[in-house]
Structure formats: C-alpha cells, structure tokens
Amino acid sequence: SSSGSGSGGAAASSDGSGGGRGRERGVAMGDSVMALLKEEFQDDDLASKRRAAERLDLVARALGTDKARSELLPWLLANLEQEDEVLHTFACKCGELVPLVGGADAVSNLVPVLEALLNVEETFVRDAAVQAMLKVLAVVKSDAAKSLLVETTLRLSHQESFTARISACALSGHVMQLGLSSADLASLLDMFSVLCKDE
C-alpha cells in the first residue's frame, strides 16, 4: 500500500516537471528551427532556399501559433527579395500558414506579406498569392479585417505596375462577397469600373 502511494506521488511529481520540461523543449525546438531557416536563406543556392521555403509550415508548427505570427511572418515580409521560384513557394505556403498562425486573428499579419507577393511581376507567383489570399478571405470575420482587405485591394489597383492592378481585379470579386458596408462596396465597384477601361 505504501509503495503504491509513493510511486503515485513520484508519478505526479514527474508529470508536473515533465510538462515544464516539455514546454521548454518545445520553445527550444522552435527557436532552433527558426535559426536554421534564417541560416539556410543566407545560402545563395536556389535549391537549398526552395527546400527551406517548403518547410515553412513545419517551422510554424514548431514555433507555435503566437511565435509563428510574431516571428515567422515578419521574417517572411523582410525576406521577399528572392528568386521567383522561392517567392512562388512562399506564396503557396502562405495559404497553408493561415490556420497555423491563428486564422482570423492573423489576417493583419498575413495580408502585408501577400500584398507584396501580389505585386510581383511573374504571373505564377501572383496566381499563387491570389489563391493564398482566398484562404485568408475564408476566415475573415471582423469589420476591421474586411476594411483591411478592401484597402489592400484598392491600394493594388492604384499601383503603377499593371501586374498589381491585375491582382486587384482577381481579388475584387471575392472581397465584394465578404458582406461589406455600402461605402466599401461602392469603392470596389468604382475601382473595377476604372480598371475595366485600363489599357
């Protein structure tokens, strides 16, 4: 009887400290995975950078939702001076990152990255960024997030680059379906009308 209670106490103690150690290991693993990602992008080898970019979802999982949103997404935004093949992988992975960085709570963090990718000249990068943006639109709930997406679409439409204006056209119909205010809807309809006459 006494040995049973002793082992139970030991188990309880082990569980408590084990949970703490587990969290510490998780933090350490996330930090090391992020450090490895940064290191791999210091390499000029395209294949290495593409392989690293393919693991963005694994990096996000290792970091956890909060750190993925506060560390991984800002790193992405600051590291978009890459070859088109790498940018395409970034765009594809951004769609996969939506649930991993907090879904609806991460809209304001994800949109700047995607807006930059929607400005890229290469069509296959922009097409992937549009598809990723549609995954963002699917989780939008707040009026603030809706306004952000309207502002982003309008901003793209006013760029000198025709590629950005093409992206605005591709997004506008989807953004209009978010349940916008009459003012926002009118702004997008006006924008679309202007772009239809754009040479």
N, C-alpha and C. Protein backbone atom coordinates (compact mmCIF):
# COMPACT_ATOMS: atom_id res chain seq x y z
N SER A 1 0.83 -1.19 0.00
CA SER A 1 0.00 0.00 0.00
C SER A 1 0.87 1.25 0.00
N SER A 2 1.91 1.26 0.92
CA SER A 2 2.75 2.45 0.99
C SER A 2 3.56 2.63 -0.27
N SER A 3 4.02 1.50 -0.90
CA SER A 3 4.79 1.63 -2.13
C SER A 3 3.95 2.17 -3.25
N GLY A 4 2.63 1.82 -3.27
CA GLY A 4 1.73 2.33 -4.32
C GLY A 4 1.58 3.81 -4.20
N SER A 5 1.39 4.31 -2.93
CA SER A 5 1.20 5.74 -2.78
C SER A 5 2.48 6.49 -3.10
N GLY A 6 3.67 5.88 -2.78
CA GLY A 6 4.94 6.54 -3.09
C GLY A 6 5.13 6.67 -4.59
N SER A 7 4.81 5.60 -5.34
CA SER A 7 5.00 5.68 -6.77
C SER A 7 4.02 6.64 -7.39
N GLY A 8 2.80 6.71 -6.79
CA GLY A 8 1.81 7.66 -7.32
C GLY A 8 2.31 9.07 -7.15
N GLY A 9 2.90 9.36 -5.92
CA GLY A 9 3.42 10.71 -5.68
C GLY A 9 4.54 11.03 -6.64
N ALA A 10 5.41 10.01 -6.85
CA ALA A 10 6.51 10.24 -7.78
C ALA A 10 6.00 10.51 -9.17
N ALA A 11 4.94 9.76 -9.57
CA ALA A 11 4.38 9.95 -10.91
C ALA A 11 3.81 11.34 -11.05
N ALA A 12 3.10 11.80 -9.98
CA ALA A 12 2.50 13.14 -10.05
C ALA A 12 3.59 14.19 -10.19
N SER A 13 4.66 14.00 -9.38
CA SER A 13 5.76 14.96 -9.45
C SER A 13 6.42 14.93 -10.83
N SER A 14 6.59 13.72 -11.35
CA SER A 14 7.22 13.58 -12.66
C SER A 14 6.38 14.23 -13.74
N ASP A 15 5.03 14.05 -13.62
CA ASP A 15 4.16 14.63 -14.63
C ASP A 15 4.28 16.15 -14.63
N GLY A 16 4.33 16.72 -13.43
CA GLY A 16 4.39 18.18 -13.33
C GLY A 16 5.66 18.72 -13.93
N SER A 17 6.80 18.14 -13.54
CA SER A 17 8.07 18.65 -14.05
C SER A 17 8.23 18.30 -15.52
N GLY A 18 7.67 17.11 -15.89
CA GLY A 18 7.76 16.71 -17.29
C GLY A 18 7.06 17.69 -18.20
N GLY A 19 5.88 18.21 -17.72
CA GLY A 19 5.15 19.20 -18.53
C GLY A 19 5.97 20.44 -18.75
N GLY A 20 6.66 20.88 -17.66
CA GLY A 20 7.51 22.07 -17.78
C GLY A 20 8.66 21.84 -18.73
N ARG A 21 9.29 20.65 -18.60
CA ARG A 21 10.41 20.34 -19.49
C ARG A 21 9.94 20.25 -20.94
N GLY A 22 8.72 19.70 -21.10
CA GLY A 22 8.17 19.57 -22.46
C GLY A 22 7.98 20.93 -23.10
N ARG A 23 7.46 21.88 -22.30
CA ARG A 23 7.27 23.23 -22.85
C ARG A 23 8.61 23.87 -23.20
N GLU A 24 9.60 23.66 -22.31
CA GLU A 24 10.93 24.22 -22.57
C GLU A 24 11.54 23.63 -23.84
N ARG A 25 11.36 22.30 -24.00
CA ARG A 25 11.88 21.66 -25.20
C ARG A 25 11.19 22.20 -26.44
N GLY A 26 9.86 22.45 -26.33
CA GLY A 26 9.11 23.00 -27.46
C GLY A 26 9.62 24.37 -27.86
N VAL A 27 9.87 25.23 -26.87
CA VAL A 27 10.39 26.57 -27.14
C VAL A 27 11.76 26.48 -27.78
N ALA A 28 12.63 25.62 -27.21
CA ALA A 28 13.98 25.46 -27.74
C ALA A 28 13.95 24.94 -29.17
N MET A 29 13.05 23.98 -29.45
CA MET A 29 12.96 23.43 -30.80
C MET A 29 12.50 24.51 -31.78
N GLY A 30 11.50 25.30 -31.37
CA GLY A 30 11.01 26.37 -32.24
C GLY A 30 12.10 27.37 -32.56
N ASP A 31 12.87 27.75 -31.52
CA ASP A 31 13.96 28.71 -31.73
C ASP A 31 15.02 28.15 -32.67
N SER A 32 15.36 26.87 -32.49
CA SER A 32 16.41 26.28 -33.32
C SER A 32 15.93 26.12 -34.76
N VAL A 33 14.66 25.80 -34.95
CA VAL A 33 14.11 25.65 -36.31
C VAL A 33 14.10 27.00 -37.02
N MET A 34 13.76 28.06 -36.30
CA MET A 34 13.76 29.40 -36.88
C MET A 34 15.19 29.82 -37.22
N ALA A 35 16.13 29.51 -36.34
CA ALA A 35 17.53 29.85 -36.59
C ALA A 35 18.05 29.11 -37.83
N LEU A 36 17.64 27.85 -37.98
CA LEU A 36 18.07 27.06 -39.14
C LEU A 36 17.49 27.65 -40.42
N LEU A 37 16.23 28.08 -40.38
CA LEU A 37 15.61 28.70 -41.56
C LEU A 37 16.40 29.94 -41.99
N LYS A 38 16.73 30.79 -41.03
CA LYS A 38 17.50 32.01 -41.34
C LYS A 38 18.86 31.65 -41.93
N GLU A 39 19.47 30.63 -41.36
CA GLU A 39 20.80 30.21 -41.84
C GLU A 39 20.73 29.70 -43.28
N GLU A 40 19.68 28.93 -43.57
CA GLU A 40 19.56 28.37 -44.92
C GLU A 40 19.34 29.46 -45.96
N PHE A 41 18.73 30.55 -45.56
CA PHE A 41 18.49 31.63 -46.51
C PHE A 41 19.69 32.55 -46.67
N GLN A 42 20.74 32.30 -45.94
CA GLN A 42 21.99 33.02 -46.18
C GLN A 42 22.79 32.36 -47.30
N ASP A 43 22.34 31.16 -47.68
CA ASP A 43 22.98 30.42 -48.76
C ASP A 43 22.44 30.93 -50.10
N ASP A 44 23.30 31.13 -51.07
CA ASP A 44 22.86 31.62 -52.38
C ASP A 44 22.31 30.50 -53.27
N ASP A 45 22.39 29.28 -52.82
CA ASP A 45 21.93 28.15 -53.62
C ASP A 45 20.40 28.13 -53.69
N LEU A 46 19.88 28.23 -54.90
CA LEU A 46 18.43 28.29 -55.11
C LEU A 46 17.73 27.04 -54.59
N ALA A 47 18.27 25.88 -54.87
CA ALA A 47 17.63 24.63 -54.44
C ALA A 47 17.53 24.56 -52.92
N SER A 48 18.57 25.01 -52.24
CA SER A 48 18.56 25.00 -50.77
C SER A 48 17.48 25.92 -50.22
N LYS A 49 17.36 27.10 -50.85
CA LYS A 49 16.35 28.05 -50.37
C LYS A 49 14.93 27.55 -50.66
N ARG A 50 14.76 26.89 -51.79
CA ARG A 50 13.42 26.35 -52.09
C ARG A 50 13.06 25.25 -51.11
N ARG A 51 14.02 24.39 -50.78
CA ARG A 51 13.75 23.32 -49.80
C ARG A 51 13.40 23.93 -48.45
N ALA A 52 14.12 24.97 -48.07
CA ALA A 52 13.84 25.63 -46.80
C ALA A 52 12.45 26.27 -46.81
N ALA A 53 12.10 26.89 -47.92
CA ALA A 53 10.79 27.52 -48.04
C ALA A 53 9.66 26.50 -47.96
N GLU A 54 9.92 25.31 -48.48
CA GLU A 54 8.91 24.24 -48.44
C GLU A 54 8.59 23.82 -47.00
N ARG A 55 9.49 24.14 -46.08
CA ARG A 55 9.29 23.72 -44.69
C ARG A 55 8.68 24.82 -43.81
N LEU A 56 8.18 25.88 -44.41
CA LEU A 56 7.62 26.98 -43.62
C LEU A 56 6.49 26.51 -42.70
N ASP A 57 5.67 25.59 -43.17
CA ASP A 57 4.59 25.09 -42.32
C ASP A 57 5.14 24.32 -41.12
N LEU A 58 6.23 23.58 -41.33
CA LEU A 58 6.85 22.84 -40.22
C LEU A 58 7.46 23.82 -39.21
N VAL A 59 8.06 24.90 -39.73
CA VAL A 59 8.62 25.93 -38.85
C VAL A 59 7.50 26.54 -38.01
N ALA A 60 6.38 26.84 -38.65
CA ALA A 60 5.24 27.44 -37.94
C ALA A 60 4.73 26.51 -36.84
N ARG A 61 4.65 25.23 -37.14
CA ARG A 61 4.19 24.27 -36.13
C ARG A 61 5.16 24.19 -34.95
N ALA A 62 6.45 24.21 -35.26
CA ALA A 62 7.46 24.13 -34.20
C ALA A 62 7.43 25.39 -33.32
N LEU A 63 7.18 26.53 -33.93
CA LEU A 63 7.15 27.78 -33.17
C LEU A 63 5.89 27.91 -32.32
N GLY A 64 4.79 27.36 -32.80
CA GLY A 64 3.51 27.58 -32.14
C GLY A 64 2.85 28.83 -32.71
N THR A 65 1.54 28.94 -32.51
CA THR A 65 0.76 29.99 -33.15
C THR A 65 1.29 31.40 -32.89
N ASP A 66 1.52 31.74 -31.62
CA ASP A 66 1.90 33.12 -31.29
C ASP A 66 3.25 33.50 -31.89
N LYS A 67 4.24 32.63 -31.74
CA LYS A 67 5.58 32.95 -32.24
C LYS A 67 5.64 32.88 -33.76
N ALA A 68 4.83 32.01 -34.34
CA ALA A 68 4.77 31.96 -35.80
C ALA A 68 4.25 33.29 -36.34
N ARG A 69 3.27 33.83 -35.63
CA ARG A 69 2.69 35.11 -36.06
C ARG A 69 3.64 36.28 -35.79
N SER A 70 4.32 36.25 -34.65
CA SER A 70 5.16 37.39 -34.25
C SER A 70 6.59 37.31 -34.78
N GLU A 71 7.05 36.12 -35.19
CA GLU A 71 8.43 35.97 -35.66
C GLU A 71 8.52 35.52 -37.12
N LEU A 72 7.78 34.47 -37.47
CA LEU A 72 7.91 33.92 -38.82
C LEU A 72 7.35 34.88 -39.87
N LEU A 73 6.16 35.44 -39.65
CA LEU A 73 5.57 36.31 -40.66
C LEU A 73 6.37 37.60 -40.86
N PRO A 74 6.85 38.26 -39.81
CA PRO A 74 7.72 39.43 -40.04
C PRO A 74 9.00 39.06 -40.78
N TRP A 75 9.55 37.88 -40.48
CA TRP A 75 10.75 37.43 -41.19
C TRP A 75 10.45 37.26 -42.68
N LEU A 76 9.30 36.67 -42.98
CA LEU A 76 8.90 36.50 -44.38
C LEU A 76 8.81 37.84 -45.08
N LEU A 77 8.13 38.79 -44.44
CA LEU A 77 7.93 40.11 -45.05
C LEU A 77 9.27 40.80 -45.32
N ALA A 78 10.23 40.57 -44.46
CA ALA A 78 11.54 41.22 -44.60
C ALA A 78 12.47 40.47 -45.56
N ASN A 79 12.04 39.31 -46.05
CA ASN A 79 12.93 38.49 -46.88
C ASN A 79 12.29 38.11 -48.22
N LEU A 80 11.66 39.09 -48.84
CA LEU A 80 10.97 38.84 -50.11
C LEU A 80 11.80 39.20 -51.34
N GLU A 81 13.04 39.59 -51.11
CA GLU A 81 13.94 39.83 -52.25
C GLU A 81 14.58 38.49 -52.62
N GLN A 82 13.78 37.66 -53.29
CA GLN A 82 14.20 36.30 -53.62
C GLN A 82 13.91 36.00 -55.09
N GLU A 83 14.44 34.88 -55.55
CA GLU A 83 14.14 34.41 -56.90
C GLU A 83 12.64 34.07 -57.00
N ASP A 84 12.11 34.15 -58.22
CA ASP A 84 10.67 33.92 -58.42
C ASP A 84 10.24 32.53 -57.93
N GLU A 85 11.10 31.54 -58.12
CA GLU A 85 10.74 30.18 -57.69
C GLU A 85 10.57 30.12 -56.17
N VAL A 86 11.39 30.84 -55.45
CA VAL A 86 11.28 30.88 -53.99
C VAL A 86 10.02 31.66 -53.58
N LEU A 87 9.77 32.77 -54.27
CA LEU A 87 8.57 33.57 -53.97
C LEU A 87 7.31 32.76 -54.24
N HIS A 88 7.33 31.94 -55.27
CA HIS A 88 6.18 31.08 -55.56
C HIS A 88 5.93 30.12 -54.40
N THR A 89 7.01 29.55 -53.89
CA THR A 89 6.87 28.64 -52.74
C THR A 89 6.35 29.39 -51.52
N PHE A 90 6.88 30.59 -51.28
CA PHE A 90 6.37 31.42 -50.19
C PHE A 90 4.86 31.61 -50.32
N ALA A 91 4.43 31.98 -51.53
CA ALA A 91 3.00 32.26 -51.75
C ALA A 91 2.15 31.02 -51.49
N CYS A 92 2.60 29.89 -52.01
CA CYS A 92 1.85 28.64 -51.79
C CYS A 92 1.78 28.31 -50.30
N LYS A 93 2.89 28.48 -49.60
CA LYS A 93 2.94 28.14 -48.18
C LYS A 93 2.11 29.11 -47.34
N CYS A 94 1.97 30.36 -47.79
CA CYS A 94 1.17 31.32 -47.02
C CYS A 94 -0.27 30.82 -46.86
N GLY A 95 -0.78 30.16 -47.89
CA GLY A 95 -2.13 29.59 -47.77
C GLY A 95 -2.19 28.53 -46.69
N GLU A 96 -1.14 27.71 -46.61
CA GLU A 96 -1.09 26.65 -45.59
C GLU A 96 -0.87 27.23 -44.19
N LEU A 97 -0.26 28.41 -44.13
CA LEU A 97 0.04 29.02 -42.83
C LEU A 97 -1.18 29.61 -42.14
N VAL A 98 -2.25 29.87 -42.90
CA VAL A 98 -3.41 30.57 -42.32
C VAL A 98 -3.86 29.96 -41.00
N PRO A 99 -4.14 28.66 -40.92
CA PRO A 99 -4.57 28.10 -39.63
C PRO A 99 -3.45 27.99 -38.60
N LEU A 100 -2.19 27.95 -39.07
CA LEU A 100 -1.06 27.74 -38.17
C LEU A 100 -0.62 29.01 -37.46
N VAL A 101 -1.04 30.17 -37.98
CA VAL A 101 -0.66 31.43 -37.34
C VAL A 101 -1.84 32.12 -36.67
N GLY A 102 -2.96 31.41 -36.59
CA GLY A 102 -4.08 31.97 -35.84
C GLY A 102 -5.33 32.26 -36.63
N GLY A 103 -5.37 31.90 -37.90
CA GLY A 103 -6.59 32.08 -38.69
C GLY A 103 -7.04 33.53 -38.72
N ALA A 104 -8.28 33.76 -38.28
CA ALA A 104 -8.87 35.11 -38.33
C ALA A 104 -8.05 36.12 -37.54
N ASP A 105 -7.38 35.67 -36.47
CA ASP A 105 -6.58 36.59 -35.65
C ASP A 105 -5.30 37.05 -36.34
N ALA A 106 -4.94 36.38 -37.42
CA ALA A 106 -3.66 36.67 -38.07
C ALA A 106 -3.81 37.40 -39.40
N VAL A 107 -5.03 37.82 -39.74
CA VAL A 107 -5.26 38.45 -41.04
C VAL A 107 -4.35 39.66 -41.24
N SER A 108 -4.25 40.52 -40.23
CA SER A 108 -3.44 41.74 -40.37
C SER A 108 -1.95 41.43 -40.49
N ASN A 109 -1.52 40.24 -40.04
CA ASN A 109 -0.12 39.84 -40.16
C ASN A 109 0.19 39.20 -41.51
N LEU A 110 -0.79 38.47 -42.05
CA LEU A 110 -0.59 37.76 -43.31
C LEU A 110 -0.75 38.66 -44.53
N VAL A 111 -1.70 39.60 -44.46
CA VAL A 111 -2.03 40.40 -45.63
C VAL A 111 -0.83 41.19 -46.18
N PRO A 112 0.01 41.82 -45.34
CA PRO A 112 1.15 42.55 -45.91
C PRO A 112 2.11 41.67 -46.71
N VAL A 113 2.31 40.43 -46.25
CA VAL A 113 3.17 39.50 -46.99
C VAL A 113 2.55 39.19 -48.35
N LEU A 114 1.26 38.90 -48.34
CA LEU A 114 0.58 38.55 -49.59
C LEU A 114 0.46 39.75 -50.52
N GLU A 115 0.25 40.93 -49.95
CA GLU A 115 0.18 42.13 -50.80
C GLU A 115 1.49 42.32 -51.56
N ALA A 116 2.60 42.10 -50.88
CA ALA A 116 3.90 42.22 -51.55
C ALA A 116 4.03 41.19 -52.67
N LEU A 117 3.57 39.98 -52.42
CA LEU A 117 3.65 38.92 -53.43
C LEU A 117 2.69 39.19 -54.59
N LEU A 118 1.60 39.87 -54.32
CA LEU A 118 0.64 40.22 -55.37
C LEU A 118 1.17 41.32 -56.29
N ASN A 119 2.24 41.96 -55.89
CA ASN A 119 2.89 42.99 -56.71
C ASN A 119 3.98 42.44 -57.61
N VAL A 120 4.32 41.16 -57.42
CA VAL A 120 5.44 40.57 -58.17
C VAL A 120 5.07 40.47 -59.66
N GLU A 121 6.06 40.67 -60.50
CA GLU A 121 5.80 40.67 -61.95
C GLU A 121 5.46 39.29 -62.48
N GLU A 122 6.10 38.26 -61.97
CA GLU A 122 5.93 36.90 -62.50
C GLU A 122 4.52 36.38 -62.21
N THR A 123 3.82 35.96 -63.28
CA THR A 123 2.41 35.56 -63.17
C THR A 123 2.21 34.40 -62.21
N PHE A 124 3.06 33.38 -62.27
CA PHE A 124 2.81 32.20 -61.44
C PHE A 124 2.97 32.50 -59.94
N VAL A 125 3.75 33.52 -59.60
CA VAL A 125 3.85 33.94 -58.20
C VAL A 125 2.56 34.63 -57.78
N ARG A 126 2.08 35.55 -58.61
CA ARG A 126 0.85 36.28 -58.28
C ARG A 126 -0.36 35.36 -58.21
N ASP A 127 -0.43 34.40 -59.13
CA ASP A 127 -1.55 33.45 -59.10
C ASP A 127 -1.57 32.66 -57.79
N ALA A 128 -0.39 32.24 -57.33
CA ALA A 128 -0.31 31.51 -56.06
C ALA A 128 -0.68 32.43 -54.89
N ALA A 129 -0.29 33.69 -54.97
CA ALA A 129 -0.61 34.64 -53.90
C ALA A 129 -2.11 34.90 -53.85
N VAL A 130 -2.76 34.96 -55.01
CA VAL A 130 -4.22 35.12 -55.05
C VAL A 130 -4.89 33.93 -54.37
N GLN A 131 -4.44 32.72 -54.68
CA GLN A 131 -5.03 31.53 -54.07
C GLN A 131 -4.83 31.53 -52.55
N ALA A 132 -3.66 31.98 -52.11
CA ALA A 132 -3.42 32.07 -50.66
C ALA A 132 -4.33 33.13 -50.04
N MET A 133 -4.51 34.25 -50.74
CA MET A 133 -5.38 35.31 -50.21
C MET A 133 -6.83 34.82 -50.08
N LEU A 134 -7.25 33.95 -50.98
CA LEU A 134 -8.61 33.40 -50.89
C LEU A 134 -8.78 32.59 -49.61
N LYS A 135 -7.71 31.92 -49.18
CA LYS A 135 -7.77 31.18 -47.92
C LYS A 135 -7.86 32.13 -46.73
N VAL A 136 -7.22 33.31 -46.87
CA VAL A 136 -7.37 34.34 -45.83
C VAL A 136 -8.80 34.86 -45.80
N LEU A 137 -9.36 35.13 -46.98
CA LEU A 137 -10.73 35.64 -47.06
C LEU A 137 -11.72 34.67 -46.41
N ALA A 138 -11.42 33.38 -46.51
CA ALA A 138 -12.33 32.36 -45.97
C ALA A 138 -12.45 32.41 -44.46
N VAL A 139 -11.47 33.04 -43.77
CA VAL A 139 -11.53 33.07 -42.29
C VAL A 139 -11.85 34.47 -41.75
N VAL A 140 -12.04 35.44 -42.65
CA VAL A 140 -12.28 36.81 -42.22
C VAL A 140 -13.65 36.94 -41.54
N LYS A 141 -13.65 37.60 -40.38
CA LYS A 141 -14.90 37.78 -39.63
C LYS A 141 -15.13 39.24 -39.25
N SER A 142 -14.10 39.90 -38.75
CA SER A 142 -14.27 41.24 -38.18
C SER A 142 -14.38 42.31 -39.26
N ASP A 143 -15.05 43.39 -38.91
CA ASP A 143 -15.16 44.53 -39.82
C ASP A 143 -13.78 45.13 -40.11
N ALA A 144 -12.91 45.10 -39.10
CA ALA A 144 -11.56 45.65 -39.28
C ALA A 144 -10.81 44.86 -40.35
N ALA A 145 -10.93 43.53 -40.31
CA ALA A 145 -10.26 42.69 -41.30
C ALA A 145 -10.84 42.93 -42.69
N LYS A 146 -12.15 43.08 -42.76
CA LYS A 146 -12.79 43.36 -44.06
C LYS A 146 -12.28 44.68 -44.62
N SER A 147 -12.21 45.69 -43.76
CA SER A 147 -11.71 47.00 -44.21
C SER A 147 -10.27 46.92 -44.69
N LEU A 148 -9.46 46.13 -43.98
CA LEU A 148 -8.07 45.95 -44.38
C LEU A 148 -7.98 45.36 -45.78
N LEU A 149 -8.81 44.38 -46.07
CA LEU A 149 -8.77 43.73 -47.38
C LEU A 149 -9.28 44.66 -48.47
N VAL A 150 -10.26 45.48 -48.15
CA VAL A 150 -10.73 46.48 -49.12
C VAL A 150 -9.60 47.47 -49.42
N GLU A 151 -8.95 47.97 -48.35
CA GLU A 151 -7.85 48.92 -48.52
C GLU A 151 -6.71 48.31 -49.34
N THR A 152 -6.41 47.04 -49.07
CA THR A 152 -5.34 46.36 -49.80
C THR A 152 -5.67 46.25 -51.28
N THR A 153 -6.90 45.86 -51.58
CA THR A 153 -7.33 45.73 -52.98
C THR A 153 -7.28 47.07 -53.70
N LEU A 154 -7.77 48.12 -53.03
CA LEU A 154 -7.74 49.45 -53.63
C LEU A 154 -6.30 49.93 -53.85
N ARG A 155 -5.44 49.64 -52.88
CA ARG A 155 -4.04 50.05 -52.98
C ARG A 155 -3.37 49.35 -54.19
N LEU A 156 -3.65 48.08 -54.36
CA LEU A 156 -3.11 47.35 -55.52
C LEU A 156 -3.59 47.97 -56.82
N SER A 157 -4.84 48.41 -56.83
CA SER A 157 -5.43 48.97 -58.07
C SER A 157 -4.80 50.30 -58.45
N HIS A 158 -4.18 50.98 -57.49
CA HIS A 158 -3.59 52.30 -57.75
C HIS A 158 -2.09 52.25 -58.05
N GLN A 159 -1.53 51.04 -58.04
CA GLN A 159 -0.10 50.90 -58.32
C GLN A 159 0.19 51.20 -59.80
N GLU A 160 1.37 51.71 -60.06
CA GLU A 160 1.77 51.94 -61.45
C GLU A 160 1.96 50.63 -62.19
N SER A 161 2.40 49.63 -61.47
CA SER A 161 2.63 48.32 -62.09
C SER A 161 1.30 47.69 -62.52
N PHE A 162 1.22 47.30 -63.79
CA PHE A 162 -0.02 46.66 -64.27
C PHE A 162 -0.23 45.32 -63.60
N THR A 163 0.84 44.67 -63.15
CA THR A 163 0.69 43.37 -62.51
C THR A 163 -0.08 43.50 -61.20
N ALA A 164 0.16 44.57 -60.45
CA ALA A 164 -0.58 44.79 -59.21
C ALA A 164 -2.05 45.05 -59.51
N ARG A 165 -2.32 45.78 -60.60
CA ARG A 165 -3.71 46.07 -60.96
C ARG A 165 -4.44 44.80 -61.39
N ILE A 166 -3.71 43.90 -62.05
CA ILE A 166 -4.29 42.60 -62.40
C ILE A 166 -4.68 41.83 -61.13
N SER A 167 -3.81 41.90 -60.12
CA SER A 167 -4.10 41.23 -58.84
C SER A 167 -5.34 41.84 -58.19
N ALA A 168 -5.47 43.16 -58.29
CA ALA A 168 -6.66 43.82 -57.73
C ALA A 168 -7.92 43.32 -58.40
N CYS A 169 -7.86 43.16 -59.72
CA CYS A 169 -9.02 42.62 -60.45
C CYS A 169 -9.35 41.20 -59.99
N ALA A 170 -8.30 40.40 -59.82
CA ALA A 170 -8.50 39.00 -59.43
C ALA A 170 -9.14 38.88 -58.05
N LEU A 171 -8.81 39.82 -57.17
CA LEU A 171 -9.31 39.76 -55.79
C LEU A 171 -10.66 40.42 -55.61
N SER A 172 -10.95 41.44 -56.40
CA SER A 172 -12.08 42.32 -56.10
C SER A 172 -13.42 41.59 -55.96
N GLY A 173 -13.70 40.67 -56.89
CA GLY A 173 -14.97 39.95 -56.82
C GLY A 173 -15.12 39.15 -55.54
N HIS A 174 -14.01 38.57 -55.09
CA HIS A 174 -14.04 37.77 -53.86
C HIS A 174 -14.20 38.66 -52.62
N VAL A 175 -13.51 39.79 -52.63
CA VAL A 175 -13.61 40.71 -51.49
C VAL A 175 -15.02 41.28 -51.39
N MET A 176 -15.65 41.50 -52.53
CA MET A 176 -17.01 42.05 -52.54
C MET A 176 -18.01 41.11 -51.86
N GLN A 177 -17.67 39.84 -51.78
CA GLN A 177 -18.59 38.86 -51.19
C GLN A 177 -18.43 38.72 -49.68
N LEU A 178 -17.65 39.61 -49.06
CA LEU A 178 -17.38 39.50 -47.62
C LEU A 178 -18.49 40.10 -46.75
N GLY A 179 -19.50 40.68 -47.37
CA GLY A 179 -20.53 41.36 -46.58
C GLY A 179 -20.05 42.73 -46.16
N LEU A 180 -19.69 43.55 -47.14
CA LEU A 180 -19.08 44.85 -46.89
C LEU A 180 -20.13 45.92 -46.64
N SER A 181 -19.65 47.04 -46.11
CA SER A 181 -20.52 48.22 -45.99
C SER A 181 -20.82 48.73 -47.39
N SER A 182 -21.89 49.50 -47.53
CA SER A 182 -22.26 50.02 -48.85
C SER A 182 -21.16 50.92 -49.40
N ALA A 183 -20.47 51.66 -48.52
CA ALA A 183 -19.40 52.55 -48.96
C ALA A 183 -18.22 51.76 -49.53
N ASP A 184 -17.84 50.69 -48.82
CA ASP A 184 -16.72 49.86 -49.29
C ASP A 184 -17.08 49.16 -50.60
N LEU A 185 -18.30 48.68 -50.68
CA LEU A 185 -18.74 48.01 -51.89
C LEU A 185 -18.72 48.97 -53.08
N ALA A 186 -19.18 50.20 -52.85
CA ALA A 186 -19.19 51.21 -53.91
C ALA A 186 -17.76 51.53 -54.36
N SER A 187 -16.83 51.60 -53.40
CA SER A 187 -15.43 51.89 -53.74
C SER A 187 -14.84 50.80 -54.63
N LEU A 188 -15.15 49.56 -54.31
CA LEU A 188 -14.61 48.45 -55.11
C LEU A 188 -15.27 48.40 -56.49
N LEU A 189 -16.56 48.70 -56.57
CA LEU A 189 -17.24 48.71 -57.86
C LEU A 189 -16.68 49.83 -58.75
N ASP A 190 -16.43 50.99 -58.15
CA ASP A 190 -15.82 52.09 -58.90
C ASP A 190 -14.43 51.71 -59.39
N MET A 191 -13.66 51.07 -58.49
CA MET A 191 -12.32 50.62 -58.86
C MET A 191 -12.36 49.66 -60.04
N PHE A 192 -13.28 48.70 -59.96
CA PHE A 192 -13.38 47.69 -61.01
C PHE A 192 -13.77 48.33 -62.34
N SER A 193 -14.67 49.30 -62.27
CA SER A 193 -15.10 50.01 -63.48
C SER A 193 -13.93 50.73 -64.14
N VAL A 194 -13.11 51.40 -63.30
CA VAL A 194 -11.94 52.11 -63.82
C VAL A 194 -10.95 51.13 -64.46
N LEU A 195 -10.70 50.01 -63.77
CA LEU A 195 -9.73 49.04 -64.27
C LEU A 195 -10.19 48.38 -65.57
N CYS A 196 -11.50 48.26 -65.72
CA CYS A 196 -12.02 47.67 -66.97
C CYS A 196 -11.67 48.53 -68.19
N LYS A 197 -11.46 49.83 -67.95
CA LYS A 197 -11.10 50.74 -69.05
C LYS A 197 -9.60 50.96 -69.14
N ASP A 198 -8.86 50.29 -68.26
CA ASP A 198 -7.41 50.46 -68.21
C ASP A 198 -6.77 49.79 -69.42
N GLU A 199 -5.92 50.54 -70.12
CA GLU A 199 -5.23 49.98 -71.27
C GLU A 199 -3.95 49.27 -70.85
